[in-house]
Amino acid sequence: MYADDLKLVTNFNKQTGVTNLQSILDNLYDWTVQWQLNINLSKCRVLHLGNAANSHPVSYFINGVKLVDECSVGDLGVLT
């Protein structure tokens, strides 16, 4: 069983945003383990939007696996 097409979107400030988003990812992973749902980490991507998106690159992880950063992602054929 797989969870399909989950998207996490958040606004955040520089002081707490990175920590909060990583915490959300950690909680999501714990939830999937509890409910025996697998996350296909090879399909997980990070898309940073906004003026400062490329000036301070940040890495995010799920279960110790670094998520791939993308400049654009497709969703139902629409590129963002």
Protein backbone atom coordinates (compact mmCIF):
# COMPACT_ATOMS: atom_id res chain seq x y z
CA MET A 1 0.00 0.00 0.00
CA TYR A 2 1.27 3.47 -0.89
CA ALA A 3 0.13 6.97 -0.05
CA ASP A 4 -0.37 8.81 -3.32
CA ASP A 5 0.32 12.43 -4.28
CA LEU A 6 0.83 14.05 -0.92
CA LYS A 7 2.00 17.65 -0.96
CA LEU A 8 3.20 19.68 1.98
CA VAL A 9 3.01 23.44 1.55
CA THR A 10 4.03 25.97 4.15
CA ASN A 11 4.93 29.60 4.64
CA PHE A 12 7.75 30.18 7.05
CA ASN A 13 10.23 32.67 8.34
CA LYS A 14 14.00 32.20 8.35
CA GLN A 15 14.23 31.61 12.10
CA THR A 16 11.82 28.72 12.60
CA GLY A 17 10.69 27.60 9.17
CA VAL A 18 13.39 25.05 8.37
CA THR A 19 13.09 23.37 11.75
CA ASN A 20 9.29 23.34 11.59
CA LEU A 21 9.17 21.84 8.09
CA GLN A 22 11.71 19.14 9.00
CA SER A 23 9.63 18.35 12.09
CA ILE A 24 6.54 17.99 9.90
CA LEU A 25 8.44 15.60 7.62
CA ASP A 26 9.60 13.58 10.63
CA ASN A 27 6.03 13.37 11.95
CA LEU A 28 4.76 12.36 8.51
CA TYR A 29 7.31 9.55 8.35
CA ASP A 30 6.38 8.34 11.85
CA TRP A 31 2.71 8.35 10.83
CA THR A 32 3.41 6.29 7.70
CA VAL A 33 5.36 3.75 9.74
CA GLN A 34 2.52 3.52 12.28
CA TRP A 35 -0.05 2.90 9.54
CA GLN A 36 2.30 0.69 7.47
CA LEU A 37 2.25 3.01 4.45
CA ASN A 38 5.39 3.26 2.36
CA ILE A 39 6.82 6.50 1.03
CA ASN A 40 8.60 6.16 -2.29
CA LEU A 41 11.53 8.43 -1.43
CA SER A 42 12.86 8.28 -4.99
CA LYS A 43 9.76 10.26 -6.05
CA CYS A 44 9.93 12.85 -3.25
CA ARG A 45 11.01 16.36 -4.26
CA VAL A 46 11.53 19.76 -2.65
CA LEU A 47 10.52 22.92 -4.48
CA HIS A 48 11.50 26.25 -2.93
CA LEU A 49 9.45 29.22 -4.08
CA GLY A 50 9.94 32.92 -3.43
CA ASN A 51 12.60 35.60 -3.66
CA ALA A 52 15.01 33.97 -1.20
CA ALA A 53 14.44 30.39 -2.41
CA ASN A 54 17.80 30.01 -4.13
CA SER A 55 19.88 32.29 -1.90
CA HIS A 56 19.92 29.94 1.11
CA PRO A 57 19.59 26.33 -0.07
CA VAL A 58 18.32 24.04 2.67
CA SER A 59 18.24 20.25 2.67
CA TYR A 60 15.34 18.24 4.00
CA PHE A 61 15.34 14.56 4.92
CA ILE A 62 12.91 11.70 5.42
CA ASN A 63 14.24 8.82 7.49
CA GLY A 64 17.78 10.08 6.91
CA VAL A 65 17.39 10.21 3.12
CA LYS A 66 18.05 13.64 1.57
CA LEU A 67 15.16 14.82 -0.59
CA VAL A 68 16.01 16.00 -4.10
CA ASP A 69 15.77 19.75 -4.77
CA GLU A 70 14.03 20.75 -8.00
CA CYS A 71 13.70 24.01 -9.91
CA SER A 72 10.27 22.99 -11.18
CA VAL A 73 7.92 20.08 -10.67
CA GLY A 74 5.06 18.67 -12.71
CA ASP A 75 1.61 18.02 -11.33
CA LEU A 76 -0.96 16.53 -13.69
CA GLY A 77 1.02 17.87 -16.62
CA VAL A 78 1.37 21.42 -15.24
CA LEU A 79 4.87 22.62 -14.41
CA THR A 80 5.37 24.80 -11.34
